[in-house]
Amino acid sequence: MCHCAVVNDACVKDAVDCGAKSLGQVCRTTGAGQDCGSCVFALKRLICEHEQATHTTLLEVEGAAS
């Protein structure tokens, strides 16, 4: 994910799970995207995918319970 700060996908997902909701918050929390910036598009994609997967999972659980 971010080679400069040695931040992998799991670190980014953990940051989102702990409340980081924007690219800036993830970058400040993990240190990713602070040097060369070449990873920011991949970071944003991963954040969106993770939030979408989490939201979809929550909706499926709510739908199954009703």
PDB file of N, CA and C in Angstrom:
ATOM      1  N   MET A   1       0.841  -1.179   0.000  1.00  0.00           N
ATOM      2  CA  MET A   1       0.000   0.000   0.000  1.00  0.00           C
ATOM      3  C   MET A   1       0.885   1.241   0.000  1.00  0.00           C
ATOM      4  N   CYS A   2       1.432   1.640   1.134  1.00  0.00           N
ATOM      5  CA  CYS A   2       2.342   2.789   1.186  1.00  0.00           C
ATOM      6  C   CYS A   2       3.741   2.272   1.483  1.00  0.00           C
ATOM      7  N   HIS A   3       4.587   2.306   0.468  1.00  0.00           N
ATOM      8  CA  HIS A   3       5.943   1.780   0.622  1.00  0.00           C
ATOM      9  C   HIS A   3       6.805   2.717   1.462  1.00  0.00           C
ATOM     10  N   CYS A   4       6.581   4.012   1.372  1.00  0.00           N
ATOM     11  CA  CYS A   4       7.403   4.975   2.116  1.00  0.00           C
ATOM     12  C   CYS A   4       7.258   4.795   3.630  1.00  0.00           C
ATOM     13  N   ALA A   5       6.027   4.622   4.097  1.00  0.00           N
ATOM     14  CA  ALA A   5       5.766   4.504   5.529  1.00  0.00           C
ATOM     15  C   ALA A   5       5.563   3.053   5.966  1.00  0.00           C
ATOM     16  N   VAL A   6       5.701   2.120   5.029  1.00  0.00           N
ATOM     17  CA  VAL A   6       5.513   0.688   5.294  1.00  0.00           C
ATOM     18  C   VAL A   6       4.143   0.450   5.951  1.00  0.00           C
ATOM     19  N   VAL A   7       3.104   0.912   5.265  1.00  0.00           N
ATOM     20  CA  VAL A   7       1.728   0.749   5.728  1.00  0.00           C
ATOM     21  C   VAL A   7       1.033  -0.209   4.763  1.00  0.00           C
ATOM     22  N   ASN A   8       0.456  -1.278   5.305  1.00  0.00           N
ATOM     23  CA  ASN A   8      -0.220  -2.259   4.448  1.00  0.00           C
ATOM     24  C   ASN A   8      -1.738  -2.105   4.528  1.00  0.00           C
ATOM     25  N   ASP A   9      -2.446  -2.931   3.768  1.00  0.00           N
ATOM     26  CA  ASP A   9      -3.914  -2.873   3.721  1.00  0.00           C
ATOM     27  C   ASP A   9      -4.530  -3.050   5.099  1.00  0.00           C
ATOM     28  N   ALA A  10      -3.988  -3.958   5.895  1.00  0.00           N
ATOM     29  CA  ALA A  10      -4.543  -4.224   7.220  1.00  0.00           C
ATOM     30  C   ALA A  10      -4.461  -2.988   8.116  1.00  0.00           C
ATOM     31  N   CYS A  11      -3.372  -2.236   8.019  1.00  0.00           N
ATOM     32  CA  CYS A  11      -3.235  -1.003   8.808  1.00  0.00           C
ATOM     33  C   CYS A  11      -4.301   0.019   8.419  1.00  0.00           C
ATOM     34  N   VAL A  12      -4.549   0.129   7.128  1.00  0.00           N
ATOM     35  CA  VAL A  12      -5.561   1.070   6.641  1.00  0.00           C
ATOM     36  C   VAL A  12      -6.950   0.636   7.110  1.00  0.00           C
ATOM     37  N   LYS A  13      -7.262  -0.643   6.990  1.00  0.00           N
ATOM     38  CA  LYS A  13      -8.559  -1.151   7.439  1.00  0.00           C
ATOM     39  C   LYS A  13      -8.736  -0.960   8.938  1.00  0.00           C
ATOM     40  N   ASP A  14      -7.686  -1.183   9.712  1.00  0.00           N
ATOM     41  CA  ASP A  14      -7.749  -0.960  11.164  1.00  0.00           C
ATOM     42  C   ASP A  14      -8.030   0.503  11.479  1.00  0.00           C
ATOM     43  N   ALA A  15      -7.400   1.405  10.750  1.00  0.00           N
ATOM     44  CA  ALA A  15      -7.629   2.837  10.968  1.00  0.00           C
ATOM     45  C   ALA A  15      -9.086   3.197  10.696  1.00  0.00           C
ATOM     46  N   VAL A  16      -9.649   2.659   9.616  1.00  0.00           N
ATOM     47  CA  VAL A  16     -11.057   2.915   9.293  1.00  0.00           C
ATOM     48  C   VAL A  16     -11.954   2.321  10.368  1.00  0.00           C
ATOM     49  N   ASP A  17     -11.661   1.108  10.801  1.00  0.00           N
ATOM     50  CA  ASP A  17     -12.463   0.462  11.846  1.00  0.00           C
ATOM     51  C   ASP A  17     -12.404   1.229  13.168  1.00  0.00           C
ATOM     52  N   CYS A  18     -11.306   1.939  13.394  1.00  0.00           N
ATOM     53  CA  CYS A  18     -11.140   2.715  14.629  1.00  0.00           C
ATOM     54  C   CYS A  18     -11.676   4.131  14.512  1.00  0.00           C
ATOM     55  N   GLY A  19     -12.308   4.457  13.370  1.00  0.00           N
ATOM     56  CA  GLY A  19     -12.992   5.736  13.265  1.00  0.00           C
ATOM     57  C   GLY A  19     -12.491   6.700  12.212  1.00  0.00           C
ATOM     58  N   ALA A  20     -11.390   6.404  11.531  1.00  0.00           N
ATOM     59  CA  ALA A  20     -10.918   7.293  10.471  1.00  0.00           C
ATOM     60  C   ALA A  20     -11.906   7.218   9.309  1.00  0.00           C
ATOM     61  N   LYS A  21     -12.465   8.354   8.920  1.00  0.00           N
ATOM     62  CA  LYS A  21     -13.501   8.371   7.892  1.00  0.00           C
ATOM     63  C   LYS A  21     -13.078   9.052   6.603  1.00  0.00           C
ATOM     64  N   SER A  22     -11.901   9.647   6.581  1.00  0.00           N
ATOM     65  CA  SER A  22     -11.455  10.335   5.372  1.00  0.00           C
ATOM     66  C   SER A  22     -10.034   9.916   5.046  1.00  0.00           C
ATOM     67  N   LEU A  23      -9.623  10.244   3.841  1.00  0.00           N
ATOM     68  CA  LEU A  23      -8.257   9.955   3.422  1.00  0.00           C
ATOM     69  C   LEU A  23      -7.268  10.657   4.346  1.00  0.00           C
ATOM     70  N   GLY A  24      -7.541  11.902   4.677  1.00  0.00           N
ATOM     71  CA  GLY A  24      -6.659  12.658   5.561  1.00  0.00           C
ATOM     72  C   GLY A  24      -6.523  12.020   6.932  1.00  0.00           C
ATOM     73  N   GLN A  25      -7.644  11.564   7.484  1.00  0.00           N
ATOM     74  CA  GLN A  25      -7.600  10.913   8.793  1.00  0.00           C
ATOM     75  C   GLN A  25      -6.812   9.617   8.739  1.00  0.00           C
ATOM     76  N   VAL A  26      -6.985   8.835   7.681  1.00  0.00           N
ATOM     77  CA  VAL A  26      -6.230   7.589   7.540  1.00  0.00           C
ATOM     78  C   VAL A  26      -4.747   7.894   7.408  1.00  0.00           C
ATOM     79  N   CYS A  27      -4.408   8.898   6.620  1.00  0.00           N
ATOM     80  CA  CYS A  27      -2.998   9.258   6.441  1.00  0.00           C
ATOM     81  C   CYS A  27      -2.372   9.735   7.746  1.00  0.00           C
ATOM     82  N   ARG A  28      -3.085  10.549   8.503  1.00  0.00           N
ATOM     83  CA  ARG A  28      -2.551  11.022   9.788  1.00  0.00           C
ATOM     84  C   ARG A  28      -2.415   9.879  10.787  1.00  0.00           C
ATOM     85  N   THR A  29      -3.366   8.964  10.772  1.00  0.00           N
ATOM     86  CA  THR A  29      -3.343   7.845  11.716  1.00  0.00           C
ATOM     87  C   THR A  29      -2.239   6.848  11.400  1.00  0.00           C
ATOM     88  N   THR A  30      -2.061   6.539  10.124  1.00  0.00           N
ATOM     89  CA  THR A  30      -1.122   5.480   9.744  1.00  0.00           C
ATOM     90  C   THR A  30       0.245   5.993   9.303  1.00  0.00           C
ATOM     91  N   GLY A  31       0.314   7.245   8.896  1.00  0.00           N
ATOM     92  CA  GLY A  31       1.548   7.786   8.336  1.00  0.00           C
ATOM     93  C   GLY A  31       1.648   7.590   6.839  1.00  0.00           C
ATOM     94  N   ALA A  32       0.674   6.926   6.255  1.00  0.00           N
ATOM     95  CA  ALA A  32       0.673   6.676   4.806  1.00  0.00           C
ATOM     96  C   ALA A  32       0.433   7.973   4.043  1.00  0.00           C
ATOM     97  N   GLY A  33       0.940   8.033   2.821  1.00  0.00           N
ATOM     98  CA  GLY A  33       0.667   9.154   1.932  1.00  0.00           C
ATOM     99  C   GLY A  33       1.336  10.452   2.317  1.00  0.00           C
ATOM    100  N   GLN A  34       2.267  10.436   3.238  1.00  0.00           N
ATOM    101  CA  GLN A  34       2.862  11.670   3.741  1.00  0.00           C
ATOM    102  C   GLN A  34       4.171  12.035   3.041  1.00  0.00           C
ATOM    103  N   ASP A  35       4.768  11.081   2.337  1.00  0.00           N
ATOM    104  CA  ASP A  35       6.057  11.366   1.696  1.00  0.00           C
ATOM    105  C   ASP A  35       5.866  11.670   0.216  1.00  0.00           C
ATOM    106  N   CYS A  36       5.857  10.668  -0.632  1.00  0.00           N
ATOM    107  CA  CYS A  36       5.795  10.920  -2.078  1.00  0.00           C
ATOM    108  C   CYS A  36       4.360  11.084  -2.576  1.00  0.00           C
ATOM    109  N   GLY A  37       3.391  10.504  -1.870  1.00  0.00           N
ATOM    110  CA  GLY A  37       1.989  10.656  -2.248  1.00  0.00           C
ATOM    111  C   GLY A  37       1.514   9.739  -3.357  1.00  0.00           C
ATOM    112  N   SER A  38       2.353   8.864  -3.856  1.00  0.00           N
ATOM    113  CA  SER A  38       1.938   8.016  -4.972  1.00  0.00           C
ATOM    114  C   SER A  38       0.885   6.991  -4.575  1.00  0.00           C
ATOM    115  N   CYS A  39       0.676   6.781  -3.291  1.00  0.00           N
ATOM    116  CA  CYS A  39      -0.274   5.765  -2.832  1.00  0.00           C
ATOM    117  C   CYS A  39      -1.666   6.318  -2.552  1.00  0.00           C
ATOM    118  N   VAL A  40      -1.864   7.628  -2.623  1.00  0.00           N
ATOM    119  CA  VAL A  40      -3.124   8.200  -2.153  1.00  0.00           C
ATOM    120  C   VAL A  40      -4.351   7.699  -2.916  1.00  0.00           C
ATOM    121  N   PHE A  41      -4.225   7.440  -4.211  1.00  0.00           N
ATOM    122  CA  PHE A  41      -5.377   6.935  -4.954  1.00  0.00           C
ATOM    123  C   PHE A  41      -5.713   5.509  -4.526  1.00  0.00           C
ATOM    124  N   ALA A  42      -4.694   4.698  -4.297  1.00  0.00           N
ATOM    125  CA  ALA A  42      -4.913   3.334  -3.818  1.00  0.00           C
ATOM    126  C   ALA A  42      -5.473   3.358  -2.393  1.00  0.00           C
ATOM    127  N   LEU A  43      -5.007   4.280  -1.573  1.00  0.00           N
ATOM    128  CA  LEU A  43      -5.537   4.414  -0.209  1.00  0.00           C
ATOM    129  C   LEU A  43      -7.018   4.764  -0.245  1.00  0.00           C
ATOM    130  N   LYS A  44      -7.369   5.746  -1.067  1.00  0.00           N
ATOM    131  CA  LYS A  44      -8.771   6.174  -1.173  1.00  0.00           C
ATOM    132  C   LYS A  44      -9.653   5.024  -1.643  1.00  0.00           C
ATOM    133  N   ARG A  45      -9.182   4.266  -2.644  1.00  0.00           N
ATOM    134  CA  ARG A  45      -9.952   3.120  -3.143  1.00  0.00           C
ATOM    135  C   ARG A  45     -10.163   2.096  -2.024  1.00  0.00           C
ATOM    136  N   LEU A  46      -9.117   1.799  -1.284  1.00  0.00           N
ATOM    137  CA  LEU A  46      -9.217   0.821  -0.207  1.00  0.00           C
ATOM    138  C   LEU A  46     -10.169   1.294   0.893  1.00  0.00           C
ATOM    139  N   ILE A  47     -10.106   2.561   1.234  1.00  0.00           N
ATOM    140  CA  ILE A  47     -11.010   3.121   2.246  1.00  0.00           C
ATOM    141  C   ILE A  47     -12.461   2.978   1.788  1.00  0.00           C
ATOM    142  N   CYS A  48     -12.733   3.357   0.551  1.00  0.00           N
ATOM    143  CA  CYS A  48     -14.100   3.261   0.018  1.00  0.00           C
ATOM    144  C   CYS A  48     -14.579   1.822  -0.036  1.00  0.00           C
ATOM    145  N   GLU A  49     -13.729   0.919  -0.501  1.00  0.00           N
ATOM    146  CA  GLU A  49     -14.115  -0.492  -0.574  1.00  0.00           C
ATOM    147  C   GLU A  49     -14.393  -1.058   0.808  1.00  0.00           C
ATOM    148  N   HIS A  50     -13.561  -0.703   1.776  1.00  0.00           N
ATOM    149  CA  HIS A  50     -13.731  -1.234   3.125  1.00  0.00           C
ATOM    150  C   HIS A  50     -15.007  -0.690   3.765  1.00  0.00           C
ATOM    151  N   GLU A  51     -15.263   0.601   3.603  1.00  0.00           N
ATOM    152  CA  GLU A  51     -16.491   1.182   4.144  1.00  0.00           C
ATOM    153  C   GLU A  51     -17.718   0.580   3.474  1.00  0.00           C
ATOM    154  N   GLN A  52     -17.647   0.381   2.161  1.00  0.00           N
ATOM    155  CA  GLN A  52     -18.774  -0.200   1.433  1.00  0.00           C
ATOM    156  C   GLN A  52     -19.014  -1.641   1.880  1.00  0.00           C
ATOM    157  N   ALA A  53     -17.966  -2.410   2.032  1.00  0.00           N
ATOM    158  CA  ALA A  53     -18.099  -3.806   2.473  1.00  0.00           C
ATOM    159  C   ALA A  53     -18.672  -3.864   3.881  1.00  0.00           C
ATOM    160  N   THR A  54     -18.237  -2.981   4.742  1.00  0.00           N
ATOM    161  CA  THR A  54     -18.750  -2.943   6.117  1.00  0.00           C
ATOM    162  C   THR A  54     -20.215  -2.545   6.127  1.00  0.00           C
ATOM    163  N   HIS A  55     -20.565  -1.547   5.334  1.00  0.00           N
ATOM    164  CA  HIS A  55     -21.957  -1.082   5.267  1.00  0.00           C
ATOM    165  C   HIS A  55     -22.861  -2.172   4.687  1.00  0.00           C
ATOM    166  N   THR A  56     -22.414  -2.825   3.637  1.00  0.00           N
ATOM    167  CA  THR A  56     -23.196  -3.896   3.023  1.00  0.00           C
ATOM    168  C   THR A  56     -23.406  -5.034   4.007  1.00  0.00           C
ATOM    169  N   THR A  57     -22.364  -5.391   4.733  1.00  0.00           N
ATOM    170  CA  THR A  57     -22.470  -6.460   5.720  1.00  0.00           C
ATOM    171  C   THR A  57     -23.483  -6.090   6.794  1.00  0.00           C
ATOM    172  N   LEU A  58     -23.451  -4.838   7.259  1.00  0.00           N
ATOM    173  CA  LEU A  58     -24.388  -4.415   8.290  1.00  0.00           C
ATOM    174  C   LEU A  58     -25.822  -4.454   7.771  1.00  0.00           C
ATOM    175  N   LEU A  59     -26.026  -4.023   6.523  1.00  0.00           N
ATOM    176  CA  LEU A  59     -27.375  -4.051   5.964  1.00  0.00           C
ATOM    177  C   LEU A  59     -27.867  -5.488   5.812  1.00  0.00           C
ATOM    178  N   GLU A  60     -26.993  -6.400   5.399  1.00  0.00           N
ATOM    179  CA  GLU A  60     -27.402  -7.782   5.237  1.00  0.00           C
ATOM    180  C   GLU A  60     -27.785  -8.385   6.587  1.00  0.00           C
ATOM    181  N   VAL A  61     -27.050  -8.061   7.631  1.00  0.00           N
ATOM    182  CA  VAL A  61     -27.357  -8.580   8.963  1.00  0.00           C
ATOM    183  C   VAL A  61     -28.689  -7.999   9.432  1.00  0.00           C
ATOM    184  N   GLU A  62     -28.906  -6.690   9.226  1.00  0.00           N
ATOM    185  CA  GLU A  62     -30.172  -6.094   9.624  1.00  0.00           C
ATOM    186  C   GLU A  62     -31.337  -6.711   8.866  1.00  0.00           C
ATOM    187  N   GLY A  63     -31.179  -6.926   7.560  1.00  0.00           N
ATOM    188  CA  GLY A  63     -32.223  -7.511   6.746  1.00  0.00           C
ATOM    189  C   GLY A  63     -32.531  -8.943   7.172  1.00  0.00           C
ATOM    190  N   ALA A  64     -31.501  -9.696   7.558  1.00  0.00           N
ATOM    191  CA  ALA A  64     -31.699 -11.089   7.958  1.00  0.00           C
ATOM    192  C   ALA A  64     -32.418 -11.186   9.287  1.00  0.00           C
ATOM    193  N   ALA A  65     -32.249 -10.178  10.131  1.00  0.00           N
ATOM    194  CA  ALA A  65     -32.846 -10.233  11.462  1.00  0.00           C
ATOM    195  C   ALA A  65     -34.330  -9.853  11.438  1.00  0.00           C
ATOM    196  N   SER A  66     -34.776  -9.211  10.373  1.00  0.00           N
ATOM    197  CA  SER A  66     -36.172  -8.762  10.381  1.00  0.00           C
ATOM    198  C   SER A  66     -37.130  -9.753   9.771  1.00  0.00           C
TER     199      SER A  66
END
